N, C-alpha and C. Protein backbone atom coordinates (compact mmCIF):
# COMPACT_ATOMS: atom_id res chain seq x y z
N UNK A 1 -20.03 -4.07 6.54
CA UNK A 1 -18.78 -4.60 7.05
C UNK A 1 -17.61 -3.76 6.54
N UNK A 2 -16.70 -3.43 7.45
CA UNK A 2 -15.48 -2.72 7.06
C UNK A 2 -14.27 -3.60 7.37
N UNK A 3 -13.40 -3.73 6.37
CA UNK A 3 -12.19 -4.54 6.55
C UNK A 3 -11.08 -3.69 7.15
N UNK A 4 -10.90 -3.81 8.45
CA UNK A 4 -9.81 -3.14 9.13
C UNK A 4 -8.52 -3.92 8.94
N UNK A 5 -7.46 -3.47 9.59
CA UNK A 5 -6.15 -4.10 9.39
C UNK A 5 -5.29 -3.98 10.63
N UNK A 6 -4.40 -4.94 10.80
CA UNK A 6 -3.44 -4.87 11.90
C UNK A 6 -2.52 -3.67 11.75
N UNK A 7 -2.41 -3.13 10.53
CA UNK A 7 -1.58 -1.94 10.30
C UNK A 7 -2.12 -0.73 11.07
N UNK A 8 -3.34 -0.82 11.54
CA UNK A 8 -3.91 0.26 12.36
C UNK A 8 -3.15 0.39 13.68
N UNK A 9 -2.62 -0.72 14.18
CA UNK A 9 -1.87 -0.70 15.45
C UNK A 9 -0.48 -0.10 15.26
N UNK A 10 0.15 -0.39 14.12
CA UNK A 10 1.43 0.23 13.77
C UNK A 10 2.50 0.08 14.83
N UNK A 11 2.87 1.20 15.43
CA UNK A 11 3.86 1.21 16.50
C UNK A 11 3.17 0.73 17.76
N UNK A 12 3.25 -0.56 18.01
CA UNK A 12 2.39 -1.19 19.01
C UNK A 12 2.70 -0.74 20.43
N UNK A 13 1.63 -0.67 21.22
CA UNK A 13 1.75 -0.28 22.63
C UNK A 13 1.61 -1.48 23.57
N UNK A 14 1.16 -2.60 23.01
CA UNK A 14 1.08 -3.84 23.80
C UNK A 14 1.10 -5.03 22.86
N UNK A 15 1.56 -6.14 23.37
CA UNK A 15 1.65 -7.39 22.60
C UNK A 15 1.05 -8.51 23.43
N UNK A 16 0.08 -9.26 22.88
CA UNK A 16 -0.52 -9.12 21.56
C UNK A 16 -1.53 -7.97 21.52
N UNK A 17 -2.01 -7.66 20.31
CA UNK A 17 -2.96 -6.58 20.15
C UNK A 17 -4.39 -7.12 20.18
N UNK A 18 -5.26 -6.38 20.83
CA UNK A 18 -6.67 -6.77 20.93
C UNK A 18 -7.56 -5.57 20.65
N UNK A 19 -8.87 -5.74 20.88
CA UNK A 19 -9.83 -4.70 20.53
C UNK A 19 -9.59 -3.39 21.27
N UNK A 20 -9.03 -3.45 22.46
CA UNK A 20 -8.82 -2.24 23.27
C UNK A 20 -7.43 -1.62 23.09
N UNK A 21 -6.59 -2.23 22.27
CA UNK A 21 -5.24 -1.70 22.04
C UNK A 21 -5.31 -0.39 21.26
N UNK A 22 -4.53 0.60 21.68
CA UNK A 22 -4.53 1.91 21.01
C UNK A 22 -3.96 1.80 19.60
N UNK A 23 -4.53 2.58 18.68
CA UNK A 23 -4.02 2.63 17.31
C UNK A 23 -2.87 3.62 17.22
N UNK A 24 -1.85 3.25 16.44
CA UNK A 24 -0.71 4.13 16.19
C UNK A 24 -0.15 3.79 14.80
N UNK A 25 -0.94 4.06 13.75
CA UNK A 25 -0.53 3.66 12.39
C UNK A 25 0.74 4.36 11.95
N UNK A 26 1.54 3.63 11.13
CA UNK A 26 2.83 4.18 10.68
C UNK A 26 2.92 4.24 9.15
N UNK A 27 1.78 4.18 8.50
CA UNK A 27 1.78 4.25 7.03
C UNK A 27 0.48 4.90 6.58
N UNK A 28 0.46 5.47 5.37
CA UNK A 28 -0.79 6.02 4.84
C UNK A 28 -1.90 4.97 4.80
N UNK A 29 -1.52 3.73 4.50
CA UNK A 29 -2.51 2.64 4.48
C UNK A 29 -3.13 2.46 5.86
N UNK A 30 -2.29 2.39 6.89
CA UNK A 30 -2.79 2.22 8.25
C UNK A 30 -3.65 3.39 8.69
N UNK A 31 -3.25 4.59 8.32
CA UNK A 31 -4.03 5.78 8.67
C UNK A 31 -5.41 5.73 8.01
N UNK A 32 -5.45 5.31 6.75
CA UNK A 32 -6.73 5.23 6.05
C UNK A 32 -7.64 4.18 6.68
N UNK A 33 -7.05 3.11 7.18
CA UNK A 33 -7.85 2.07 7.83
C UNK A 33 -8.43 2.56 9.16
N UNK A 34 -7.66 3.35 9.90
CA UNK A 34 -8.18 3.93 11.15
C UNK A 34 -9.34 4.86 10.83
N UNK A 35 -9.21 5.65 9.77
CA UNK A 35 -10.29 6.56 9.37
C UNK A 35 -11.55 5.79 9.01
N UNK A 36 -11.39 4.69 8.27
CA UNK A 36 -12.53 3.86 7.90
C UNK A 36 -13.18 3.22 9.11
N UNK A 37 -12.35 2.78 10.05
CA UNK A 37 -12.84 2.18 11.30
C UNK A 37 -13.68 3.20 12.07
N UNK A 38 -13.16 4.41 12.21
CA UNK A 38 -13.88 5.46 12.95
C UNK A 38 -15.18 5.84 12.26
N UNK A 39 -15.16 5.90 10.94
CA UNK A 39 -16.36 6.24 10.19
C UNK A 39 -17.43 5.16 10.35
N UNK A 40 -17.00 3.91 10.30
CA UNK A 40 -17.94 2.79 10.48
C UNK A 40 -18.58 2.85 11.86
N UNK A 41 -17.78 3.08 12.87
CA UNK A 41 -18.30 3.19 14.23
C UNK A 41 -19.24 4.38 14.37
N UNK A 42 -18.91 5.50 13.72
CA UNK A 42 -19.75 6.69 13.77
C UNK A 42 -21.14 6.42 13.20
N UNK A 43 -21.19 5.74 12.06
CA UNK A 43 -22.49 5.44 11.45
C UNK A 43 -23.30 4.49 12.33
N UNK A 44 -22.63 3.57 12.98
CA UNK A 44 -23.31 2.64 13.87
C UNK A 44 -23.92 3.38 15.05
N UNK A 45 -23.13 4.27 15.65
CA UNK A 45 -23.59 4.98 16.84
C UNK A 45 -24.58 6.09 16.51
N UNK A 46 -24.38 6.77 15.38
CA UNK A 46 -25.23 7.91 15.04
C UNK A 46 -26.56 7.51 14.43
N UNK A 47 -26.56 6.45 13.64
CA UNK A 47 -27.77 6.08 12.90
C UNK A 47 -28.32 4.70 13.25
N UNK A 48 -27.69 4.02 14.18
CA UNK A 48 -28.19 2.71 14.59
C UNK A 48 -28.06 1.66 13.51
N UNK A 49 -27.13 1.85 12.59
CA UNK A 49 -26.94 0.90 11.50
C UNK A 49 -26.13 -0.31 11.97
N UNK A 50 -26.36 -1.44 11.32
CA UNK A 50 -25.55 -2.62 11.62
C UNK A 50 -24.25 -2.48 10.84
N UNK A 51 -23.25 -1.94 11.51
CA UNK A 51 -21.93 -1.74 10.90
C UNK A 51 -20.87 -2.35 11.80
N UNK A 52 -20.03 -3.19 11.25
CA UNK A 52 -18.97 -3.79 12.05
C UNK A 52 -17.63 -3.68 11.32
N UNK A 53 -16.58 -3.67 12.10
CA UNK A 53 -15.22 -3.69 11.55
C UNK A 53 -14.50 -4.94 12.03
N UNK A 54 -13.90 -5.64 11.10
CA UNK A 54 -13.03 -6.75 11.46
C UNK A 54 -11.60 -6.26 11.39
N UNK A 55 -10.90 -6.28 12.51
CA UNK A 55 -9.49 -5.88 12.52
C UNK A 55 -8.68 -7.12 12.17
N UNK A 56 -8.46 -7.29 10.89
CA UNK A 56 -7.84 -8.52 10.38
C UNK A 56 -6.32 -8.39 10.32
N UNK A 57 -5.66 -9.40 10.85
CA UNK A 57 -4.22 -9.50 10.69
C UNK A 57 -3.95 -10.13 9.33
N UNK A 58 -2.68 -10.19 8.92
CA UNK A 58 -2.35 -10.62 7.56
C UNK A 58 -2.99 -11.95 7.21
N UNK A 59 -3.70 -11.97 6.11
CA UNK A 59 -4.31 -13.22 5.64
C UNK A 59 -3.94 -13.43 4.18
N UNK A 60 -3.44 -14.62 3.91
CA UNK A 60 -2.83 -14.94 2.62
C UNK A 60 -3.55 -16.10 1.94
N UNK A 61 -3.27 -16.25 0.65
CA UNK A 61 -3.78 -17.39 -0.12
C UNK A 61 -3.06 -17.39 -1.46
N UNK A 62 -3.29 -18.42 -2.29
CA UNK A 62 -2.68 -18.43 -3.62
C UNK A 62 -3.16 -17.28 -4.51
N UNK A 63 -4.18 -16.56 -4.07
CA UNK A 63 -4.68 -15.42 -4.84
C UNK A 63 -4.00 -14.11 -4.45
N UNK A 64 -3.11 -14.15 -3.51
CA UNK A 64 -2.42 -12.95 -3.05
C UNK A 64 -1.65 -12.30 -4.20
N UNK A 65 -1.62 -10.98 -4.22
CA UNK A 65 -0.91 -10.26 -5.27
C UNK A 65 0.60 -10.49 -5.19
N UNK A 66 1.26 -10.44 -6.32
CA UNK A 66 2.70 -10.72 -6.37
C UNK A 66 3.54 -9.61 -5.73
N UNK A 67 2.93 -8.46 -5.45
CA UNK A 67 3.67 -7.37 -4.82
C UNK A 67 3.81 -7.56 -3.32
N UNK A 68 3.09 -8.52 -2.75
CA UNK A 68 3.17 -8.79 -1.32
C UNK A 68 4.27 -9.82 -1.04
N UNK A 69 4.94 -9.67 0.10
CA UNK A 69 6.14 -10.46 0.35
C UNK A 69 5.89 -11.97 0.35
N UNK A 70 4.74 -12.40 0.86
CA UNK A 70 4.47 -13.85 0.90
C UNK A 70 4.40 -14.44 -0.50
N UNK A 71 3.66 -13.77 -1.38
CA UNK A 71 3.52 -14.27 -2.75
C UNK A 71 4.82 -14.07 -3.53
N UNK A 72 5.53 -13.01 -3.22
CA UNK A 72 6.83 -12.79 -3.85
C UNK A 72 7.76 -13.96 -3.54
N UNK A 73 7.70 -14.43 -2.30
CA UNK A 73 8.55 -15.55 -1.89
C UNK A 73 8.15 -16.84 -2.58
N UNK A 74 6.86 -17.20 -2.51
CA UNK A 74 6.43 -18.48 -3.08
C UNK A 74 6.59 -18.51 -4.59
N UNK A 75 6.36 -17.38 -5.24
CA UNK A 75 6.54 -17.33 -6.69
C UNK A 75 8.02 -17.49 -7.05
N UNK A 76 8.89 -16.83 -6.29
CA UNK A 76 10.33 -16.93 -6.55
C UNK A 76 10.83 -18.35 -6.32
N UNK A 77 10.36 -18.99 -5.26
CA UNK A 77 10.75 -20.37 -4.98
C UNK A 77 10.39 -21.27 -6.16
N UNK A 78 9.18 -21.11 -6.66
CA UNK A 78 8.73 -21.93 -7.79
C UNK A 78 9.57 -21.67 -9.04
N UNK A 79 9.86 -20.40 -9.30
CA UNK A 79 10.67 -20.06 -10.48
C UNK A 79 12.10 -20.58 -10.35
N UNK A 80 12.66 -20.50 -9.15
CA UNK A 80 14.01 -21.03 -8.93
C UNK A 80 14.01 -22.55 -9.12
N UNK A 81 13.01 -23.20 -8.58
CA UNK A 81 12.90 -24.66 -8.69
C UNK A 81 12.80 -25.11 -10.15
N UNK A 82 12.13 -24.30 -10.97
CA UNK A 82 11.95 -24.65 -12.39
C UNK A 82 13.07 -24.11 -13.28
N UNK A 83 14.08 -23.51 -12.66
CA UNK A 83 15.21 -23.00 -13.43
C UNK A 83 14.95 -21.68 -14.13
N UNK A 84 13.93 -20.96 -13.69
CA UNK A 84 13.57 -19.69 -14.32
C UNK A 84 14.14 -18.48 -13.58
N UNK A 85 14.73 -18.69 -12.41
CA UNK A 85 15.31 -17.61 -11.62
C UNK A 85 16.44 -18.19 -10.78
N UNK A 86 17.29 -17.32 -10.26
CA UNK A 86 18.45 -17.81 -9.51
C UNK A 86 18.55 -17.25 -8.10
N UNK A 87 17.75 -16.22 -7.79
CA UNK A 87 17.83 -15.62 -6.46
C UNK A 87 16.52 -14.95 -6.08
N UNK A 88 16.41 -14.61 -4.81
CA UNK A 88 15.25 -13.88 -4.29
C UNK A 88 15.76 -12.76 -3.40
N UNK A 89 15.41 -11.53 -3.73
CA UNK A 89 15.81 -10.38 -2.92
C UNK A 89 14.62 -9.89 -2.11
N UNK A 90 14.82 -9.79 -0.81
CA UNK A 90 13.76 -9.33 0.09
C UNK A 90 14.32 -8.28 1.04
N UNK A 91 13.43 -7.67 1.81
CA UNK A 91 13.85 -6.68 2.79
C UNK A 91 14.26 -7.33 4.10
N UNK A 92 13.70 -6.86 5.18
CA UNK A 92 14.08 -7.31 6.52
C UNK A 92 13.60 -8.74 6.79
N UNK A 93 14.54 -9.65 6.88
CA UNK A 93 14.19 -11.06 7.13
C UNK A 93 13.66 -11.29 8.54
N UNK A 94 13.94 -10.37 9.45
CA UNK A 94 13.50 -10.55 10.83
C UNK A 94 12.14 -9.91 11.10
N UNK A 95 11.57 -9.22 10.12
CA UNK A 95 10.23 -8.65 10.29
C UNK A 95 9.25 -9.77 10.58
N UNK A 96 8.38 -9.56 11.55
CA UNK A 96 7.46 -10.61 11.98
C UNK A 96 6.02 -10.19 11.74
N UNK A 97 5.20 -11.17 11.37
CA UNK A 97 3.78 -10.92 11.13
C UNK A 97 2.96 -12.09 11.67
N UNK A 98 1.70 -11.83 11.87
CA UNK A 98 0.72 -12.84 12.25
C UNK A 98 -0.01 -13.20 10.95
N UNK A 99 0.41 -14.31 10.32
CA UNK A 99 -0.14 -14.70 9.03
C UNK A 99 -1.17 -15.82 9.19
N UNK A 100 -2.32 -15.65 8.53
CA UNK A 100 -3.34 -16.69 8.52
C UNK A 100 -3.82 -16.93 7.10
N UNK A 101 -4.75 -17.87 6.95
CA UNK A 101 -5.29 -18.19 5.63
C UNK A 101 -6.55 -17.37 5.36
N UNK A 102 -6.65 -16.81 4.16
CA UNK A 102 -7.78 -15.95 3.80
C UNK A 102 -9.13 -16.67 3.97
N UNK A 103 -9.17 -17.97 3.71
CA UNK A 103 -10.43 -18.70 3.86
C UNK A 103 -10.94 -18.64 5.29
N UNK A 104 -10.04 -18.78 6.24
CA UNK A 104 -10.43 -18.70 7.65
C UNK A 104 -10.98 -17.31 7.99
N UNK A 105 -10.36 -16.29 7.42
CA UNK A 105 -10.73 -14.92 7.76
C UNK A 105 -12.05 -14.51 7.11
N UNK A 106 -12.31 -14.99 5.90
CA UNK A 106 -13.59 -14.72 5.26
C UNK A 106 -14.72 -15.41 6.02
N UNK A 107 -14.44 -16.57 6.55
CA UNK A 107 -15.43 -17.27 7.37
C UNK A 107 -15.76 -16.44 8.61
N UNK A 108 -14.75 -15.86 9.24
CA UNK A 108 -14.98 -15.00 10.40
C UNK A 108 -15.78 -13.76 10.01
N UNK A 109 -15.46 -13.21 8.86
CA UNK A 109 -16.18 -12.04 8.36
C UNK A 109 -17.68 -12.35 8.22
N UNK A 110 -17.98 -13.49 7.62
CA UNK A 110 -19.38 -13.90 7.44
C UNK A 110 -20.08 -14.07 8.78
N UNK A 111 -19.40 -14.69 9.72
CA UNK A 111 -19.99 -14.89 11.05
C UNK A 111 -20.27 -13.56 11.75
N UNK A 112 -19.41 -12.59 11.55
CA UNK A 112 -19.58 -11.29 12.19
C UNK A 112 -20.86 -10.58 11.76
N UNK A 113 -21.21 -10.71 10.48
CA UNK A 113 -22.40 -10.00 9.98
C UNK A 113 -23.68 -10.81 10.16
N UNK A 114 -23.59 -12.01 10.72
CA UNK A 114 -24.78 -12.82 11.00
C UNK A 114 -25.29 -12.62 12.43
N UNK A 115 -24.56 -11.89 13.23
CA UNK A 115 -24.92 -11.74 14.64
C UNK A 115 -26.09 -10.76 14.82
N UNK A 116 -26.74 -10.86 15.96
CA UNK A 116 -27.86 -9.96 16.26
C UNK A 116 -27.39 -8.55 16.55
N UNK A 117 -26.23 -8.43 17.18
CA UNK A 117 -25.69 -7.12 17.54
C UNK A 117 -24.30 -6.94 16.92
N UNK A 118 -24.04 -5.77 16.36
CA UNK A 118 -22.72 -5.52 15.75
C UNK A 118 -21.63 -5.35 16.79
N UNK A 119 -20.46 -5.87 16.48
CA UNK A 119 -19.32 -5.74 17.39
C UNK A 119 -18.03 -5.82 16.60
N UNK A 120 -17.12 -4.89 16.84
CA UNK A 120 -15.82 -4.89 16.18
C UNK A 120 -14.92 -5.93 16.84
N UNK A 121 -14.26 -6.76 16.01
CA UNK A 121 -13.46 -7.86 16.56
C UNK A 121 -12.11 -7.99 15.86
N UNK A 122 -11.12 -8.41 16.62
CA UNK A 122 -9.81 -8.75 16.07
C UNK A 122 -9.85 -10.20 15.58
N UNK A 123 -9.37 -10.41 14.36
CA UNK A 123 -9.30 -11.76 13.80
C UNK A 123 -7.84 -12.03 13.45
N UNK A 124 -7.27 -13.06 14.08
CA UNK A 124 -5.84 -13.34 13.93
C UNK A 124 -5.56 -14.80 14.25
N UNK A 125 -4.40 -15.27 13.81
CA UNK A 125 -4.01 -16.64 14.12
C UNK A 125 -3.45 -16.75 15.54
N UNK A 126 -2.89 -15.63 16.02
CA UNK A 126 -2.27 -15.64 17.34
C UNK A 126 -0.85 -16.17 17.33
N UNK A 127 -0.29 -16.37 16.12
CA UNK A 127 1.09 -16.84 15.98
C UNK A 127 1.92 -15.79 15.25
N UNK A 128 3.16 -15.66 15.65
CA UNK A 128 4.06 -14.71 15.01
C UNK A 128 5.17 -15.46 14.28
N UNK A 129 5.38 -15.11 13.02
CA UNK A 129 6.42 -15.75 12.21
C UNK A 129 7.22 -14.68 11.48
N UNK A 130 8.48 -14.92 11.28
CA UNK A 130 9.34 -13.97 10.58
C UNK A 130 9.36 -14.25 9.08
N UNK A 131 9.80 -13.26 8.32
CA UNK A 131 9.97 -13.44 6.88
C UNK A 131 11.00 -14.55 6.64
N UNK A 132 11.99 -14.63 7.50
CA UNK A 132 13.00 -15.69 7.40
C UNK A 132 12.35 -17.07 7.52
N UNK A 133 11.44 -17.23 8.49
CA UNK A 133 10.74 -18.51 8.67
C UNK A 133 9.93 -18.85 7.44
N UNK A 134 9.26 -17.84 6.87
CA UNK A 134 8.46 -18.07 5.67
C UNK A 134 9.35 -18.57 4.53
N UNK A 135 10.49 -17.92 4.36
CA UNK A 135 11.44 -18.33 3.32
C UNK A 135 11.93 -19.76 3.54
N UNK A 136 12.28 -20.05 4.78
CA UNK A 136 12.81 -21.37 5.10
C UNK A 136 11.80 -22.47 4.78
N UNK A 137 10.55 -22.27 5.18
CA UNK A 137 9.51 -23.25 4.92
C UNK A 137 9.23 -23.38 3.42
N UNK A 138 9.15 -22.23 2.75
CA UNK A 138 8.81 -22.24 1.32
C UNK A 138 9.87 -22.97 0.50
N UNK A 139 11.14 -22.68 0.75
CA UNK A 139 12.20 -23.36 0.00
C UNK A 139 12.27 -24.84 0.36
N UNK A 140 12.01 -25.16 1.62
CA UNK A 140 12.04 -26.56 2.05
C UNK A 140 10.99 -27.39 1.33
N UNK A 141 9.89 -26.77 0.92
CA UNK A 141 8.83 -27.48 0.20
C UNK A 141 9.33 -28.07 -1.12
N UNK A 142 10.39 -27.46 -1.68
CA UNK A 142 10.94 -27.99 -2.94
C UNK A 142 12.35 -28.55 -2.73
N UNK A 143 12.68 -28.82 -1.47
CA UNK A 143 13.95 -29.46 -1.16
C UNK A 143 15.17 -28.56 -1.28
N UNK A 144 14.98 -27.25 -1.11
CA UNK A 144 16.09 -26.30 -1.23
C UNK A 144 16.34 -25.59 0.10
N UNK A 145 17.56 -25.11 0.27
CA UNK A 145 17.95 -24.34 1.45
C UNK A 145 17.86 -22.86 1.10
N UNK A 146 17.00 -22.14 1.80
CA UNK A 146 16.77 -20.72 1.47
C UNK A 146 18.06 -19.90 1.51
N UNK A 147 19.01 -20.30 2.34
CA UNK A 147 20.25 -19.54 2.50
C UNK A 147 21.09 -19.50 1.22
N UNK A 148 20.83 -20.43 0.32
CA UNK A 148 21.57 -20.46 -0.94
C UNK A 148 21.00 -19.50 -1.99
N UNK A 149 19.81 -18.96 -1.72
CA UNK A 149 19.13 -18.18 -2.75
C UNK A 149 18.63 -16.80 -2.29
N UNK A 150 18.40 -16.64 -1.00
CA UNK A 150 17.79 -15.40 -0.50
C UNK A 150 18.85 -14.36 -0.19
N UNK A 151 18.64 -13.15 -0.70
CA UNK A 151 19.54 -12.02 -0.45
C UNK A 151 18.74 -10.92 0.24
N UNK A 152 19.23 -10.47 1.39
CA UNK A 152 18.57 -9.38 2.10
C UNK A 152 19.05 -8.06 1.50
N UNK A 153 18.10 -7.28 1.00
CA UNK A 153 18.43 -6.05 0.27
C UNK A 153 17.75 -4.86 0.95
N UNK A 154 18.53 -3.90 1.39
CA UNK A 154 17.97 -2.74 2.10
C UNK A 154 17.02 -1.93 1.22
N UNK A 155 17.10 -2.10 -0.07
CA UNK A 155 16.20 -1.40 -0.99
C UNK A 155 14.74 -1.75 -0.72
N UNK A 156 14.52 -2.94 -0.16
CA UNK A 156 13.16 -3.40 0.09
C UNK A 156 12.71 -3.19 1.54
N UNK A 157 13.51 -2.51 2.33
CA UNK A 157 13.11 -2.22 3.71
C UNK A 157 11.99 -1.19 3.70
N UNK A 158 11.04 -1.34 4.61
CA UNK A 158 9.99 -0.34 4.76
C UNK A 158 10.55 0.87 5.50
N UNK A 159 10.16 2.09 5.10
CA UNK A 159 10.68 3.29 5.77
C UNK A 159 10.25 3.41 7.23
N UNK A 160 9.10 2.82 7.56
CA UNK A 160 8.62 2.86 8.95
C UNK A 160 8.06 1.48 9.28
N UNK A 161 8.94 0.55 9.59
CA UNK A 161 8.56 -0.83 9.87
C UNK A 161 7.72 -0.92 11.14
N UNK A 162 6.69 -1.75 11.09
CA UNK A 162 5.88 -1.97 12.29
C UNK A 162 6.51 -3.09 13.10
N UNK A 163 6.35 -3.01 14.40
CA UNK A 163 7.03 -3.94 15.30
C UNK A 163 6.08 -5.01 15.83
N UNK A 164 6.45 -6.23 15.70
CA UNK A 164 5.82 -7.36 16.39
C UNK A 164 4.30 -7.32 16.41
N UNK A 165 3.70 -7.38 15.24
CA UNK A 165 2.24 -7.46 15.16
C UNK A 165 1.80 -8.90 15.38
N UNK A 166 1.03 -9.11 16.41
CA UNK A 166 0.45 -10.43 16.70
C UNK A 166 -0.88 -10.20 17.40
N UNK A 167 -1.93 -10.84 16.90
CA UNK A 167 -3.27 -10.55 17.38
C UNK A 167 -3.79 -11.50 18.44
N UNK A 168 -4.58 -10.93 19.34
CA UNK A 168 -5.30 -11.70 20.35
C UNK A 168 -6.76 -11.77 19.90
N UNK A 169 -7.15 -12.88 19.30
CA UNK A 169 -8.51 -13.03 18.76
C UNK A 169 -9.41 -13.82 19.70
N UNK A 170 -9.08 -13.85 20.99
CA UNK A 170 -9.86 -14.64 21.94
C UNK A 170 -11.32 -14.20 22.00
N UNK A 171 -11.56 -12.90 21.85
CA UNK A 171 -12.93 -12.40 21.89
C UNK A 171 -13.73 -12.90 20.70
N UNK A 172 -13.12 -12.88 19.51
CA UNK A 172 -13.79 -13.37 18.31
C UNK A 172 -14.03 -14.88 18.40
N UNK A 173 -13.08 -15.59 18.95
CA UNK A 173 -13.23 -17.04 19.07
C UNK A 173 -14.40 -17.40 19.98
N UNK A 174 -14.55 -16.63 21.04
CA UNK A 174 -15.65 -16.90 21.97
C UNK A 174 -16.98 -16.43 21.41
N UNK A 175 -17.01 -15.24 20.83
CA UNK A 175 -18.27 -14.67 20.34
C UNK A 175 -18.79 -15.36 19.08
N UNK A 176 -17.89 -15.80 18.23
CA UNK A 176 -18.27 -16.37 16.94
C UNK A 176 -18.18 -17.89 16.89
N UNK A 177 -17.52 -18.49 17.88
CA UNK A 177 -17.25 -19.91 17.82
C UNK A 177 -16.28 -20.22 16.69
N UNK A 178 -15.40 -19.27 16.44
CA UNK A 178 -14.47 -19.35 15.31
C UNK A 178 -13.07 -19.72 15.76
N UNK A 179 -12.38 -20.45 14.93
CA UNK A 179 -10.94 -20.66 15.12
C UNK A 179 -10.33 -21.04 13.77
N UNK A 180 -9.06 -20.73 13.56
CA UNK A 180 -8.43 -21.04 12.27
C UNK A 180 -8.40 -22.54 12.01
N UNK A 181 -8.62 -22.92 10.76
CA UNK A 181 -8.55 -24.32 10.37
C UNK A 181 -7.23 -24.65 9.66
N UNK A 182 -6.55 -23.63 9.17
CA UNK A 182 -5.28 -23.83 8.46
C UNK A 182 -4.10 -23.46 9.35
N UNK A 183 -3.07 -24.27 9.31
CA UNK A 183 -1.83 -23.94 10.03
C UNK A 183 -0.95 -23.08 9.12
N UNK A 184 0.05 -22.47 9.72
CA UNK A 184 1.01 -21.67 8.95
C UNK A 184 1.69 -22.53 7.89
N UNK A 185 2.07 -23.74 8.26
CA UNK A 185 2.74 -24.64 7.34
C UNK A 185 1.83 -25.01 6.16
N UNK A 186 0.56 -25.25 6.44
CA UNK A 186 -0.39 -25.60 5.38
C UNK A 186 -0.60 -24.43 4.42
N UNK A 187 -0.61 -23.23 4.97
CA UNK A 187 -0.75 -22.03 4.14
C UNK A 187 0.41 -21.92 3.16
N UNK A 188 1.63 -22.04 3.68
CA UNK A 188 2.82 -21.95 2.83
C UNK A 188 2.80 -23.04 1.76
N UNK A 189 2.44 -24.25 2.15
CA UNK A 189 2.42 -25.38 1.22
C UNK A 189 1.42 -25.14 0.09
N UNK A 190 0.25 -24.62 0.43
CA UNK A 190 -0.78 -24.37 -0.59
C UNK A 190 -0.33 -23.30 -1.58
N UNK A 191 0.30 -22.25 -1.07
CA UNK A 191 0.77 -21.18 -1.94
C UNK A 191 1.89 -21.67 -2.86
N UNK A 192 2.79 -22.47 -2.31
CA UNK A 192 3.88 -23.05 -3.12
C UNK A 192 3.32 -23.95 -4.21
N UNK A 193 2.35 -24.77 -3.86
CA UNK A 193 1.76 -25.70 -4.81
C UNK A 193 1.19 -24.97 -6.02
N UNK A 194 0.47 -23.89 -5.76
CA UNK A 194 -0.12 -23.11 -6.86
C UNK A 194 0.96 -22.46 -7.71
N UNK A 195 1.97 -21.90 -7.07
CA UNK A 195 3.01 -21.22 -7.85
C UNK A 195 3.89 -22.19 -8.62
N UNK A 196 4.01 -23.42 -8.14
CA UNK A 196 4.73 -24.44 -8.91
C UNK A 196 3.97 -24.76 -10.20
N UNK A 197 2.65 -24.78 -10.12
CA UNK A 197 1.84 -25.00 -11.32
C UNK A 197 2.07 -23.88 -12.34
N UNK A 198 2.02 -22.64 -11.85
CA UNK A 198 2.19 -21.49 -12.74
C UNK A 198 3.59 -21.45 -13.33
N UNK A 199 4.60 -21.71 -12.50
CA UNK A 199 5.98 -21.70 -12.98
C UNK A 199 6.23 -22.83 -13.97
N UNK A 200 5.57 -23.96 -13.73
CA UNK A 200 5.70 -25.09 -14.65
C UNK A 200 5.20 -24.73 -16.04
N UNK A 201 4.06 -24.03 -16.09
CA UNK A 201 3.51 -23.60 -17.38
C UNK A 201 4.44 -22.59 -18.05
N UNK A 202 5.00 -21.69 -17.23
CA UNK A 202 5.93 -20.69 -17.78
C UNK A 202 7.18 -21.36 -18.35
N UNK A 203 7.66 -22.41 -17.66
CA UNK A 203 8.84 -23.13 -18.13
C UNK A 203 8.56 -23.85 -19.44
N UNK A 204 7.35 -24.42 -19.56
CA UNK A 204 6.97 -25.10 -20.79
C UNK A 204 6.90 -24.13 -21.96
N UNK A 205 6.33 -22.94 -21.69
CA UNK A 205 6.22 -21.93 -22.74
C UNK A 205 7.60 -21.45 -23.18
N UNK A 206 8.51 -21.27 -22.20
CA UNK A 206 9.87 -20.83 -22.53
C UNK A 206 10.59 -21.88 -23.35
N UNK A 207 10.37 -23.15 -23.00
CA UNK A 207 11.00 -24.24 -23.73
C UNK A 207 10.47 -24.33 -25.16
N UNK A 208 9.15 -24.15 -25.31
CA UNK A 208 8.54 -24.21 -26.64
C UNK A 208 9.03 -23.06 -27.51
N UNK A 209 9.13 -21.87 -26.89
CA UNK A 209 9.59 -20.70 -27.64
C UNK A 209 11.03 -20.90 -28.10
N UNK A 210 11.85 -21.51 -27.23
CA UNK A 210 13.24 -21.77 -27.59
C UNK A 210 13.35 -22.76 -28.73
N UNK A 211 12.47 -23.76 -28.71
CA UNK A 211 12.49 -24.78 -29.76
C UNK A 211 12.10 -24.18 -31.11
N UNK A 212 11.12 -23.26 -31.08
CA UNK A 212 10.67 -22.62 -32.32
C UNK A 212 11.76 -21.72 -32.88
N UNK A 213 12.45 -20.98 -31.96
CA UNK A 213 13.51 -20.08 -32.39
C UNK A 213 14.67 -20.87 -33.01
């Protein structure tokens, strides 16, 4: 199994993107994913190996790294709520992505490698949401208005932003009997819940350290 990415589509030629959509990556990451996709297909065709690529759109969870915008947002919301931070700086608030839950995507991955014949498939929620929407939902989970805390900073803009990535996973849904079980709102809520736990522990430690000092 090879984990492909929606970044392979990059500068999109059609919306939504599906298995037949041309690749036009706009980052070294996207280029590397196209290379991996081609190599996987080559081994399948040349040696008859069971090799498949899942072209996965963004999939998130509470385990997401803090360097990614979704986790950066939920962690900042939790820290602001606990009095550990006062603002959140992000790049383009209008950037849009097709975000799903990692659990749903791993389930699709497992189903793909259980089939009798290998087939490359797009796995996506089929919904497009902006960074602004993510911020709004995340702050609302703790009763705050994102506009009071979020600052759009050009320093965080991507040098080659990808446009309107949204996946058409109809082929995967039919072939695998798969569909997402988590909504966008549930994903945000779960990530916020975990980061509130972590921020709460950090606040307790800071309070204890202050008391000792």
